[in-house]
Amino acid sequence: MKTIKSKKEFGRVFRSGRRFNSPLVRIAIAECDEGDQGKVAFVAAKRLGNAAFRNRCKRVLREAARSLDLSGYNKDIILFATKATHDSHPDEVAVGLSNLIGKGGR
């Protein structure tokens, strides 16, 4: 699973992508460039809490994405943690994530 790293890629997903929300995770989905494999980014904003809290949220998001095998997905996805992400099990987040990706047009 490749990750989105550059500010340019983040900007493209925000400009051209669609956003969906659930209590456990928020996502932004955009079409990837011609011939490219989809990429994923994991984001936990500073307003959620201290570094340990945010790192736990990102670990949960990574495990949920890994269980869904998003590597074969042909879109760029940014996953945003919520306060509820921290206390959730990755399987719960994976269910919410699969529902949101379904809305995004898999």
PDB file of N, CA and C in Angstrom:
ATOM      1  N   MET A   1       0.845  -1.164   0.000  1.00  0.00           N
ATOM      2  CA  MET A   1       0.000   0.000   0.000  1.00  0.00           C
ATOM      3  C   MET A   1       0.897   1.237   0.000  1.00  0.00           C
ATOM      4  N   LYS A   2       0.822   2.016  -1.063  1.00  0.00           N
ATOM      5  CA  LYS A   2       1.613   3.237  -1.166  1.00  0.00           C
ATOM      6  C   LYS A   2       0.911   4.358  -0.409  1.00  0.00           C
ATOM      7  N   THR A   3       1.702   5.322   0.063  1.00  0.00           N
ATOM      8  CA  THR A   3       1.123   6.416   0.835  1.00  0.00           C
ATOM      9  C   THR A   3       1.288   7.750   0.120  1.00  0.00           C
ATOM     10  N   ILE A   4       0.355   8.643   0.386  1.00  0.00           N
ATOM     11  CA  ILE A   4       0.412  10.011  -0.123  1.00  0.00           C
ATOM     12  C   ILE A   4       1.341  10.776   0.807  1.00  0.00           C
ATOM     13  N   LYS A   5       2.341  11.435   0.244  1.00  0.00           N
ATOM     14  CA  LYS A   5       3.327  12.111   1.075  1.00  0.00           C
ATOM     15  C   LYS A   5       3.470  13.595   0.764  1.00  0.00           C
ATOM     16  N   SER A   6       3.319  13.986  -0.478  1.00  0.00           N
ATOM     17  CA  SER A   6       3.606  15.372  -0.842  1.00  0.00           C
ATOM     18  C   SER A   6       2.391  16.279  -0.651  1.00  0.00           C
ATOM     19  N   LYS A   7       2.689  17.536  -0.419  1.00  0.00           N
ATOM     20  CA  LYS A   7       1.645  18.551  -0.259  1.00  0.00           C
ATOM     21  C   LYS A   7       0.838  18.685  -1.552  1.00  0.00           C
ATOM     22  N   LYS A   8       1.493  18.508  -2.679  1.00  0.00           N
ATOM     23  CA  LYS A   8       0.834  18.592  -3.987  1.00  0.00           C
ATOM     24  C   LYS A   8      -0.231  17.501  -4.129  1.00  0.00           C
ATOM     25  N   GLU A   9       0.096  16.273  -3.725  1.00  0.00           N
ATOM     26  CA  GLU A   9      -0.866  15.168  -3.809  1.00  0.00           C
ATOM     27  C   GLU A   9      -2.041  15.382  -2.857  1.00  0.00           C
ATOM     28  N   PHE A  10      -1.749  15.858  -1.626  1.00  0.00           N
ATOM     29  CA  PHE A  10      -2.822  16.152  -0.679  1.00  0.00           C
ATOM     30  C   PHE A  10      -3.763  17.207  -1.263  1.00  0.00           C
ATOM     31  N   GLY A  11      -3.189  18.252  -1.839  1.00  0.00           N
ATOM     32  CA  GLY A  11      -3.992  19.323  -2.425  1.00  0.00           C
ATOM     33  C   GLY A  11      -4.883  18.832  -3.546  1.00  0.00           C
ATOM     34  N   ARG A  12      -4.349  17.939  -4.384  1.00  0.00           N
ATOM     35  CA  ARG A  12      -5.139  17.403  -5.490  1.00  0.00           C
ATOM     36  C   ARG A  12      -6.337  16.606  -4.986  1.00  0.00           C
ATOM     37  N   VAL A  13      -6.119  15.800  -3.942  1.00  0.00           N
ATOM     38  CA  VAL A  13      -7.220  15.007  -3.379  1.00  0.00           C
ATOM     39  C   VAL A  13      -8.267  15.924  -2.767  1.00  0.00           C
ATOM     40  N   PHE A  14      -7.827  16.981  -2.071  1.00  0.00           N
ATOM     41  CA  PHE A  14      -8.778  17.913  -1.475  1.00  0.00           C
ATOM     42  C   PHE A  14      -9.558  18.684  -2.542  1.00  0.00           C
ATOM     43  N   ARG A  15      -8.881  19.093  -3.621  1.00  0.00           N
ATOM     44  CA  ARG A  15      -9.555  19.878  -4.656  1.00  0.00           C
ATOM     45  C   ARG A  15     -10.547  19.049  -5.459  1.00  0.00           C
ATOM     46  N   SER A  16     -10.115  17.888  -5.913  1.00  0.00           N
ATOM     47  CA  SER A  16     -10.943  17.122  -6.841  1.00  0.00           C
ATOM     48  C   SER A  16     -11.682  15.954  -6.197  1.00  0.00           C
ATOM     49  N   GLY A  17     -11.453  15.722  -4.920  1.00  0.00           N
ATOM     50  CA  GLY A  17     -12.038  14.552  -4.274  1.00  0.00           C
ATOM     51  C   GLY A  17     -13.408  14.800  -3.654  1.00  0.00           C
ATOM     52  N   ARG A  18     -14.017  13.707  -3.245  1.00  0.00           N
ATOM     53  CA  ARG A  18     -15.295  13.745  -2.534  1.00  0.00           C
ATOM     54  C   ARG A  18     -15.048  13.336  -1.093  1.00  0.00           C
ATOM     55  N   ARG A  19     -15.852  13.865  -0.169  1.00  0.00           N
ATOM     56  CA  ARG A  19     -15.654  13.588   1.251  1.00  0.00           C
ATOM     57  C   ARG A  19     -16.878  12.884   1.832  1.00  0.00           C
ATOM     58  N   PHE A  20     -16.576  11.961   2.738  1.00  0.00           N
ATOM     59  CA  PHE A  20     -17.621  11.198   3.418  1.00  0.00           C
ATOM     60  C   PHE A  20     -17.260  11.069   4.890  1.00  0.00           C
ATOM     61  N   ASN A  21     -18.278  11.015   5.753  1.00  0.00           N
ATOM     62  CA  ASN A  21     -18.060  10.964   7.199  1.00  0.00           C
ATOM     63  C   ASN A  21     -18.796   9.802   7.840  1.00  0.00           C
ATOM     64  N   SER A  22     -18.193   9.273   8.888  1.00  0.00           N
ATOM     65  CA  SER A  22     -18.852   8.338   9.792  1.00  0.00           C
ATOM     66  C   SER A  22     -18.337   8.677  11.191  1.00  0.00           C
ATOM     67  N   PRO A  23     -18.935   8.139  12.236  1.00  0.00           N
ATOM     68  CA  PRO A  23     -18.468   8.476  13.582  1.00  0.00           C
ATOM     69  C   PRO A  23     -17.023   8.041  13.857  1.00  0.00           C
ATOM     70  N   LEU A  24     -16.541   6.999  13.202  1.00  0.00           N
ATOM     71  CA  LEU A  24     -15.211   6.470  13.500  1.00  0.00           C
ATOM     72  C   LEU A  24     -14.120   6.952  12.555  1.00  0.00           C
ATOM     73  N   VAL A  25     -14.487   7.380  11.360  1.00  0.00           N
ATOM     74  CA  VAL A  25     -13.477   7.784  10.373  1.00  0.00           C
ATOM     75  C   VAL A  25     -14.120   8.726   9.361  1.00  0.00           C
ATOM     76  N   ARG A  26     -13.321   9.657   8.844  1.00  0.00           N
ATOM     77  CA  ARG A  26     -13.726  10.523   7.742  1.00  0.00           C
ATOM     78  C   ARG A  26     -12.764  10.267   6.597  1.00  0.00           C
ATOM     79  N   ILE A  27     -13.262  10.340   5.356  1.00  0.00           N
ATOM     80  CA  ILE A  27     -12.383  10.085   4.215  1.00  0.00           C
ATOM     81  C   ILE A  27     -12.577  11.141   3.131  1.00  0.00           C
ATOM     82  N   ALA A  28     -11.541  11.289   2.319  1.00  0.00           N
ATOM     83  CA  ALA A  28     -11.590  12.061   1.082  1.00  0.00           C
ATOM     84  C   ALA A  28     -11.069  11.129  -0.007  1.00  0.00           C
ATOM     85  N   ILE A  29     -11.836  10.974  -1.095  1.00  0.00           N
ATOM     86  CA  ILE A  29     -11.484  10.054  -2.177  1.00  0.00           C
ATOM     87  C   ILE A  29     -11.394  10.834  -3.476  1.00  0.00           C
ATOM     88  N   ALA A  30     -10.349  10.581  -4.247  1.00  0.00           N
ATOM     89  CA  ALA A  30     -10.184  11.212  -5.555  1.00  0.00           C
ATOM     90  C   ALA A  30      -9.632  10.191  -6.540  1.00  0.00           C
ATOM     91  N   GLU A  31      -9.956  10.397  -7.802  1.00  0.00           N
ATOM     92  CA  GLU A  31      -9.394   9.553  -8.856  1.00  0.00           C
ATOM     93  C   GLU A  31      -7.888   9.768  -8.895  1.00  0.00           C
ATOM     94  N   CYS A  32      -7.137   8.689  -9.070  1.00  0.00           N
ATOM     95  CA  CYS A  32      -5.685   8.846  -9.171  1.00  0.00           C
ATOM     96  C   CYS A  32      -5.312   9.121 -10.631  1.00  0.00           C
ATOM     97  N   ASP A  33      -4.092   9.559 -10.825  1.00  0.00           N
ATOM     98  CA  ASP A  33      -3.618   9.895 -12.165  1.00  0.00           C
ATOM     99  C   ASP A  33      -3.628   8.662 -13.060  1.00  0.00           C
ATOM    100  N   GLU A  34      -3.685   8.905 -14.359  1.00  0.00           N
ATOM    101  CA  GLU A  34      -3.737   7.842 -15.360  1.00  0.00           C
ATOM    102  C   GLU A  34      -2.583   6.858 -15.183  1.00  0.00           C
ATOM    103  N   GLY A  35      -2.896   5.591 -15.021  1.00  0.00           N
ATOM    104  CA  GLY A  35      -1.884   4.551 -14.912  1.00  0.00           C
ATOM    105  C   GLY A  35      -1.253   4.396 -13.545  1.00  0.00           C
ATOM    106  N   ASP A  36      -1.612   5.252 -12.593  1.00  0.00           N
ATOM    107  CA  ASP A  36      -1.043   5.158 -11.254  1.00  0.00           C
ATOM    108  C   ASP A  36      -1.859   4.220 -10.381  1.00  0.00           C
ATOM    109  N   GLN A  37      -1.178   3.652  -9.404  1.00  0.00           N
ATOM    110  CA  GLN A  37      -1.849   2.842  -8.401  1.00  0.00           C
ATOM    111  C   GLN A  37      -2.369   3.781  -7.312  1.00  0.00           C
ATOM    112  N   GLY A  38      -3.487   3.434  -6.694  1.00  0.00           N
ATOM    113  CA  GLY A  38      -4.048   4.267  -5.650  1.00  0.00           C
ATOM    114  C   GLY A  38      -3.127   4.376  -4.441  1.00  0.00           C
ATOM    115  N   LYS A  39      -3.229   5.510  -3.739  1.00  0.00           N
ATOM    116  CA  LYS A  39      -2.416   5.743  -2.555  1.00  0.00           C
ATOM    117  C   LYS A  39      -3.326   6.086  -1.387  1.00  0.00           C
ATOM    118  N   VAL A  40      -2.777   5.930  -0.185  1.00  0.00           N
ATOM    119  CA  VAL A  40      -3.537   6.175   1.035  1.00  0.00           C
ATOM    120  C   VAL A  40      -2.726   7.089   1.951  1.00  0.00           C
ATOM    121  N   ALA A  41      -3.426   7.966   2.693  1.00  0.00           N
ATOM    122  CA  ALA A  41      -2.785   8.803   3.712  1.00  0.00           C
ATOM    123  C   ALA A  41      -3.575   8.661   5.004  1.00  0.00           C
ATOM    124  N   PHE A  42      -2.872   8.736   6.122  1.00  0.00           N
ATOM    125  CA  PHE A  42      -3.483   8.617   7.440  1.00  0.00           C
ATOM    126  C   PHE A  42      -3.241   9.909   8.199  1.00  0.00           C
ATOM    127  N   VAL A  43      -4.324  10.586   8.613  1.00  0.00           N
ATOM    128  CA  VAL A  43      -4.205  11.904   9.221  1.00  0.00           C
ATOM    129  C   VAL A  43      -4.905  11.915  10.571  1.00  0.00           C
ATOM    130  N   ALA A  44      -4.223  12.465  11.565  1.00  0.00           N
ATOM    131  CA  ALA A  44      -4.815  12.719  12.876  1.00  0.00           C
ATOM    132  C   ALA A  44      -4.450  14.157  13.247  1.00  0.00           C
ATOM    133  N   ALA A  45      -5.423  15.031  13.279  1.00  0.00           N
ATOM    134  CA  ALA A  45      -5.180  16.452  13.522  1.00  0.00           C
ATOM    135  C   ALA A  45      -4.727  16.703  14.954  1.00  0.00           C
ATOM    136  N   LYS A  46      -3.990  17.772  15.154  1.00  0.00           N
ATOM    137  CA  LYS A  46      -3.482  18.117  16.486  1.00  0.00           C
ATOM    138  C   LYS A  46      -4.603  18.380  17.481  1.00  0.00           C
ATOM    139  N   ARG A  47      -5.753  18.816  16.992  1.00  0.00           N
ATOM    140  CA  ARG A  47      -6.859  19.122  17.900  1.00  0.00           C
ATOM    141  C   ARG A  47      -7.423  17.870  18.592  1.00  0.00           C
ATOM    142  N   LEU A  48      -7.057  16.676  18.097  1.00  0.00           N
ATOM    143  CA  LEU A  48      -7.534  15.437  18.719  1.00  0.00           C
ATOM    144  C   LEU A  48      -6.896  15.194  20.078  1.00  0.00           C
ATOM    145  N   GLY A  49      -5.629  15.559  20.221  1.00  0.00           N
ATOM    146  CA  GLY A  49      -4.960  15.319  21.495  1.00  0.00           C
ATOM    147  C   GLY A  49      -3.451  15.323  21.337  1.00  0.00           C
ATOM    148  N   ASN A  50      -2.774  14.766  22.340  1.00  0.00           N
ATOM    149  CA  ASN A  50      -1.309  14.754  22.319  1.00  0.00           C
ATOM    150  C   ASN A  50      -0.782  13.730  21.304  1.00  0.00           C
ATOM    151  N   ALA A  51       0.526  13.672  21.168  1.00  0.00           N
ATOM    152  CA  ALA A  51       1.151  12.826  20.150  1.00  0.00           C
ATOM    153  C   ALA A  51       0.818  11.348  20.336  1.00  0.00           C
ATOM    154  N   ALA A  52       0.798  10.872  21.569  1.00  0.00           N
ATOM    155  CA  ALA A  52       0.492   9.461  21.817  1.00  0.00           C
ATOM    156  C   ALA A  52      -0.935   9.133  21.381  1.00  0.00           C
ATOM    157  N   PHE A  53      -1.875  10.033  21.645  1.00  0.00           N
ATOM    158  CA  PHE A  53      -3.270   9.847  21.241  1.00  0.00           C
ATOM    159  C   PHE A  53      -3.378   9.794  19.721  1.00  0.00           C
ATOM    160  N   ARG A  54      -2.725  10.739  19.044  1.00  0.00           N
ATOM    161  CA  ARG A  54      -2.790  10.801  17.584  1.00  0.00           C
ATOM    162  C   ARG A  54      -2.113   9.595  16.947  1.00  0.00           C
ATOM    163  N   ASN A  55      -0.990   9.142  17.503  1.00  0.00           N
ATOM    164  CA  ASN A  55      -0.308   7.969  16.956  1.00  0.00           C
ATOM    165  C   ASN A  55      -1.159   6.716  17.085  1.00  0.00           C
ATOM    166  N   ARG A  56      -1.864   6.567  18.207  1.00  0.00           N
ATOM    167  CA  ARG A  56      -2.763   5.420  18.386  1.00  0.00           C
ATOM    168  C   ARG A  56      -3.878   5.461  17.332  1.00  0.00           C
ATOM    169  N   CYS A  57      -4.424   6.645  17.083  1.00  0.00           N
ATOM    170  CA  CYS A  57      -5.473   6.793  16.072  1.00  0.00           C
ATOM    171  C   CYS A  57      -4.959   6.367  14.695  1.00  0.00           C
ATOM    172  N   LYS A  58      -3.756   6.794  14.336  1.00  0.00           N
ATOM    173  CA  LYS A  58      -3.200   6.433  13.033  1.00  0.00           C
ATOM    174  C   LYS A  58      -2.893   4.947  12.938  1.00  0.00           C
ATOM    175  N   ARG A  59      -2.461   4.333  14.045  1.00  0.00           N
ATOM    176  CA  ARG A  59      -2.230   2.879  14.037  1.00  0.00           C
ATOM    177  C   ARG A  59      -3.529   2.134  13.783  1.00  0.00           C
ATOM    178  N   VAL A  60      -4.604   2.574  14.402  1.00  0.00           N
ATOM    179  CA  VAL A  60      -5.915   1.939  14.191  1.00  0.00           C
ATOM    180  C   VAL A  60      -6.344   2.099  12.734  1.00  0.00           C
ATOM    181  N   LEU A  61      -6.164   3.294  12.162  1.00  0.00           N
ATOM    182  CA  LEU A  61      -6.525   3.524  10.766  1.00  0.00           C
ATOM    183  C   LEU A  61      -5.697   2.651   9.821  1.00  0.00           C
ATOM    184  N   ARG A  62      -4.384   2.555  10.081  1.00  0.00           N
ATOM    185  CA  ARG A  62      -3.521   1.726   9.228  1.00  0.00           C
ATOM    186  C   ARG A  62      -3.938   0.264   9.266  1.00  0.00           C
ATOM    187  N   GLU A  63      -4.254  -0.238  10.447  1.00  0.00           N
ATOM    188  CA  GLU A  63      -4.659  -1.640  10.568  1.00  0.00           C
ATOM    189  C   GLU A  63      -5.998  -1.883   9.869  1.00  0.00           C
ATOM    190  N   ALA A  64      -6.926  -0.945   9.983  1.00  0.00           N
ATOM    191  CA  ALA A  64      -8.217  -1.081   9.299  1.00  0.00           C
ATOM    192  C   ALA A  64      -8.018  -1.091   7.779  1.00  0.00           C
ATOM    193  N   ALA A  65      -7.177  -0.198   7.271  1.00  0.00           N
ATOM    194  CA  ALA A  65      -6.905  -0.147   5.829  1.00  0.00           C
ATOM    195  C   ALA A  65      -6.201  -1.418   5.370  1.00  0.00           C
ATOM    196  N   ARG A  66      -5.291  -1.925   6.186  1.00  0.00           N
ATOM    197  CA  ARG A  66      -4.578  -3.156   5.846  1.00  0.00           C
ATOM    198  C   ARG A  66      -5.547  -4.338   5.763  1.00  0.00           C
ATOM    199  N   SER A  67      -6.516  -4.389   6.670  1.00  0.00           N
ATOM    200  CA  SER A  67      -7.467  -5.511   6.659  1.00  0.00           C
ATOM    201  C   SER A  67      -8.395  -5.455   5.446  1.00  0.00           C
ATOM    202  N   LEU A  68      -8.644  -4.256   4.910  1.00  0.00           N
ATOM    203  CA  LEU A  68      -9.489  -4.125   3.717  1.00  0.00           C
ATOM    204  C   LEU A  68      -8.700  -4.286   2.423  1.00  0.00           C
ATOM    205  N   ASP A  69      -7.370  -4.310   2.512  1.00  0.00           N
ATOM    206  CA  ASP A  69      -6.489  -4.437   1.359  1.00  0.00           C
ATOM    207  C   ASP A  69      -6.800  -3.358   0.315  1.00  0.00           C
ATOM    208  N   LEU A  70      -6.544  -2.122   0.678  1.00  0.00           N
ATOM    209  CA  LEU A  70      -6.801  -0.993  -0.204  1.00  0.00           C
ATOM    210  C   LEU A  70      -5.770  -0.850  -1.308  1.00  0.00           C
ATOM    211  N   SER A  71      -4.770  -1.725  -1.344  1.00  0.00           N
ATOM    212  CA  SER A  71      -3.725  -1.610  -2.357  1.00  0.00           C
ATOM    213  C   SER A  71      -4.279  -1.831  -3.769  1.00  0.00           C
ATOM    214  N   GLY A  72      -5.321  -2.636  -3.915  1.00  0.00           N
ATOM    215  CA  GLY A  72      -5.907  -2.883  -5.228  1.00  0.00           C
ATOM    216  C   GLY A  72      -6.928  -1.846  -5.634  1.00  0.00           C
ATOM    217  N   TYR A  73      -7.209  -0.913  -4.765  1.00  0.00           N
ATOM    218  CA  TYR A  73      -8.192   0.130  -5.018  1.00  0.00           C
ATOM    219  C   TYR A  73      -7.560   1.199  -5.897  1.00  0.00           C
ATOM    220  N   ASN A  74      -8.246   1.636  -6.914  1.00  0.00           N
ATOM    221  CA  ASN A  74      -7.667   2.507  -7.936  1.00  0.00           C
ATOM    222  C   ASN A  74      -7.969   3.988  -7.681  1.00  0.00           C
ATOM    223  N   LYS A  75      -7.987   4.417  -6.432  1.00  0.00           N
ATOM    224  CA  LYS A  75      -8.236   5.816  -6.094  1.00  0.00           C
ATOM    225  C   LYS A  75      -7.307   6.233  -4.967  1.00  0.00           C
ATOM    226  N   ASP A  76      -7.094   7.543  -4.860  1.00  0.00           N
ATOM    227  CA  ASP A  76      -6.322   8.086  -3.759  1.00  0.00           C
ATOM    228  C   ASP A  76      -7.264   8.385  -2.605  1.00  0.00           C
ATOM    229  N   ILE A  77      -6.900   7.956  -1.403  1.00  0.00           N
ATOM    230  CA  ILE A  77      -7.772   8.081  -0.237  1.00  0.00           C
ATOM    231  C   ILE A  77      -7.000   8.718   0.906  1.00  0.00           C
ATOM    232  N   ILE A  78      -7.618   9.698   1.555  1.00  0.00           N
ATOM    233  CA  ILE A  78      -7.067  10.261   2.782  1.00  0.00           C
ATOM    234  C   ILE A  78      -8.016   9.874   3.907  1.00  0.00           C
ATOM    235  N   LEU A  79      -7.485   9.217   4.928  1.00  0.00           N
ATOM    236  CA  LEU A  79      -8.274   8.786   6.087  1.00  0.00           C
ATOM    237  C   LEU A  79      -7.999   9.732   7.251  1.00  0.00           C
ATOM    238  N   PHE A  80      -9.053  10.305   7.802  1.00  0.00           N
ATOM    239  CA  PHE A  80      -8.937  11.218   8.929  1.00  0.00           C
ATOM    240  C   PHE A  80      -9.463  10.537  10.188  1.00  0.00           C
ATOM    241  N   ALA A  81      -8.699  10.606  11.251  1.00  0.00           N
ATOM    242  CA  ALA A  81      -9.132  10.041  12.533  1.00  0.00           C
ATOM    243  C   ALA A  81     -10.120  10.992  13.205  1.00  0.00           C
ATOM    244  N   THR A  82     -10.998  10.424  14.023  1.00  0.00           N
ATOM    245  CA  THR A  82     -11.895  11.203  14.879  1.00  0.00           C
ATOM    246  C   THR A  82     -11.573  10.838  16.328  1.00  0.00           C
ATOM    247  N   LYS A  83     -12.184  11.524  17.267  1.00  0.00           N
ATOM    248  CA  LYS A  83     -11.951  11.187  18.681  1.00  0.00           C
ATOM    249  C   LYS A  83     -12.344   9.745  18.976  1.00  0.00           C
ATOM    250  N   ALA A  84     -13.396   9.251  18.309  1.00  0.00           N
ATOM    251  CA  ALA A  84     -13.879   7.888  18.537  1.00  0.00           C
ATOM    252  C   ALA A  84     -12.922   6.837  17.966  1.00  0.00           C
ATOM    253  N   THR A  85     -12.061   7.211  17.049  1.00  0.00           N
ATOM    254  CA  THR A  85     -11.121   6.260  16.445  1.00  0.00           C
ATOM    255  C   THR A  85     -10.189   5.678  17.501  1.00  0.00           C
ATOM    256  N   HIS A  86      -9.777   6.497  18.441  1.00  0.00           N
ATOM    257  CA  HIS A  86      -8.802   6.091  19.463  1.00  0.00           C
ATOM    258  C   HIS A  86      -9.280   4.891  20.269  1.00  0.00           C
ATOM    259  N   ASP A  87     -10.542   4.883  20.671  1.00  0.00           N
ATOM    260  CA  ASP A  87     -11.066   3.828  21.539  1.00  0.00           C
ATOM    261  C   ASP A  87     -11.681   2.668  20.773  1.00  0.00           C
ATOM    262  N   SER A  88     -11.617   2.699  19.452  1.00  0.00           N
ATOM    263  CA  SER A  88     -12.246   1.667  18.633  1.00  0.00           C
ATOM    264  C   SER A  88     -11.263   0.575  18.271  1.00  0.00           C
ATOM    265  N   HIS A  89     -11.815  -0.586  17.965  1.00  0.00           N
ATOM    266  CA  HIS A  89     -11.027  -1.709  17.471  1.00  0.00           C
ATOM    267  C   HIS A  89     -10.873  -1.532  15.959  1.00  0.00           C
ATOM    268  N   PRO A  90      -9.738  -1.923  15.381  1.00  0.00           N
ATOM    269  CA  PRO A  90      -9.553  -1.761  13.931  1.00  0.00           C
ATOM    270  C   PRO A  90     -10.636  -2.434  13.086  1.00  0.00           C
ATOM    271  N   ASP A  91     -11.215  -3.526  13.583  1.00  0.00           N
ATOM    272  CA  ASP A  91     -12.285  -4.181  12.826  1.00  0.00           C
ATOM    273  C   ASP A  91     -13.530  -3.302  12.736  1.00  0.00           C
ATOM    274  N   GLU A  92     -13.840  -2.576  13.807  1.00  0.00           N
ATOM    275  CA  GLU A  92     -14.980  -1.656  13.796  1.00  0.00           C
ATOM    276  C   GLU A  92     -14.733  -0.528  12.800  1.00  0.00           C
ATOM    277  N   VAL A  93     -13.516  -0.011  12.804  1.00  0.00           N
ATOM    278  CA  VAL A  93     -13.170   1.075  11.885  1.00  0.00           C
ATOM    279  C   VAL A  93     -13.201   0.556  10.450  1.00  0.00           C
ATOM    280  N   ALA A  94     -12.773  -0.681  10.233  1.00  0.00           N
ATOM    281  CA  ALA A  94     -12.783  -1.268   8.890  1.00  0.00           C
ATOM    282  C   ALA A  94     -14.201  -1.370   8.340  1.00  0.00           C
ATOM    283  N   VAL A  95     -15.165  -1.696   9.187  1.00  0.00           N
ATOM    284  CA  VAL A  95     -16.564  -1.777   8.742  1.00  0.00           C
ATOM    285  C   VAL A  95     -17.045  -0.392   8.307  1.00  0.00           C
ATOM    286  N   GLY A  96     -16.778   0.620   9.129  1.00  0.00           N
ATOM    287  CA  GLY A  96     -17.165   1.982   8.764  1.00  0.00           C
ATOM    288  C   GLY A  96     -16.456   2.461   7.510  1.00  0.00           C
ATOM    289  N   LEU A  97     -15.194   2.109   7.388  1.00  0.00           N
ATOM    290  CA  LEU A  97     -14.414   2.505   6.226  1.00  0.00           C
ATOM    291  C   LEU A  97     -14.934   1.850   4.953  1.00  0.00           C
ATOM    292  N   SER A  98     -15.284   0.584   5.017  1.00  0.00           N
ATOM    293  CA  SER A  98     -15.813  -0.097   3.829  1.00  0.00           C
ATOM    294  C   SER A  98     -17.147   0.505   3.405  1.00  0.00           C
ATOM    295  N   ASN A  99     -17.971   0.925   4.375  1.00  0.00           N
ATOM    296  CA  ASN A  99     -19.237   1.589   4.036  1.00  0.00           C
ATOM    297  C   ASN A  99     -18.980   2.913   3.319  1.00  0.00           C
ATOM    298  N   LEU A 100     -18.016   3.676   3.823  1.00  0.00           N
ATOM    299  CA  LEU A 100     -17.709   4.969   3.189  1.00  0.00           C
ATOM    300  C   LEU A 100     -17.113   4.791   1.795  1.00  0.00           C
ATOM    301  N   ILE A 101     -16.262   3.788   1.630  1.00  0.00           N
ATOM    302  CA  ILE A 101     -15.673   3.534   0.320  1.00  0.00           C
ATOM    303  C   ILE A 101     -16.757   3.082  -0.653  1.00  0.00           C
ATOM    304  N   GLY A 102     -17.731   2.337  -0.160  1.00  0.00           N
ATOM    305  CA  GLY A 102     -18.872   1.951  -0.998  1.00  0.00           C
ATOM    306  C   GLY A 102     -19.639   3.158  -1.488  1.00  0.00           C
ATOM    307  N   LYS A 103     -19.795   4.163  -0.634  1.00  0.00           N
ATOM    308  CA  LYS A 103     -20.454   5.404  -1.056  1.00  0.00           C
ATOM    309  C   LYS A 103     -19.618   6.145  -2.080  1.00  0.00           C
ATOM    310  N   GLY A 104     -18.308   5.993  -1.975  1.00  0.00           N
ATOM    311  CA  GLY A 104     -17.399   6.677  -2.883  1.00  0.00           C
ATOM    312  C   GLY A 104     -17.327   6.059  -4.267  1.00  0.00           C
ATOM    313  N   GLY A 105     -17.982   4.927  -4.460  1.00  0.00           N
ATOM    314  CA  GLY A 105     -18.023   4.299  -5.783  1.00  0.00           C
ATOM    315  C   GLY A 105     -16.861   3.380  -6.060  1.00  0.00           C
ATOM    316  N   ARG A 106     -16.802   2.298  -5.343  1.00  0.00           N
ATOM    317  CA  ARG A 106     -15.712   1.342  -5.571  1.00  0.00           C
ATOM    318  C   ARG A 106     -15.871   0.614  -6.850  1.00  0.00           C
TER     319      ARG A 106
END
